[in-house]
Amino acid sequence: MITSWLLAFALTQVIEAPIYTVGIHRSTQRRWTTALAIALGASAITHPFVWFVFPNLIDAPIPRIAISEVFAWSVELAWLAAFRVPRPWLWSSLANGASFGTGVVLSLTLGWP
């Protein structure tokens, strides 16, 4: 379970962090390293909840996925807003949409995660 989570978390970071980093850097003119740190923090906050908490709270897959994705999107949006990133809803939508879409494709094609 932990190994699967670590792989899924790493994949999420590989997909979401570049989107967030570019968005943060370009919209705030923060240094790349600062933008990357903020970007990595967004998924680090939400991913454990999506992976470990929601499956224990909600048995039905469709509601669990919907609720956990809305949770991730909104918490990451708030995270970006706390750092005064303009249009946090846009960056959270792009990053979470990309990682969710990748997850769906991997699940349908490879049965993973």
Foldseek 3Di string as FASTA:
>chain_A
DVVQLVVLLVLLCVQQLVLQLVQQCVQPVDDSVVSSVLRNVLCVVQSCCLVPPLVVVDVDVVVSVVVSLVVSLVSSLVSCVVVVRPPSNVSSCNSSVRSVVVQVVCCVPPVGD
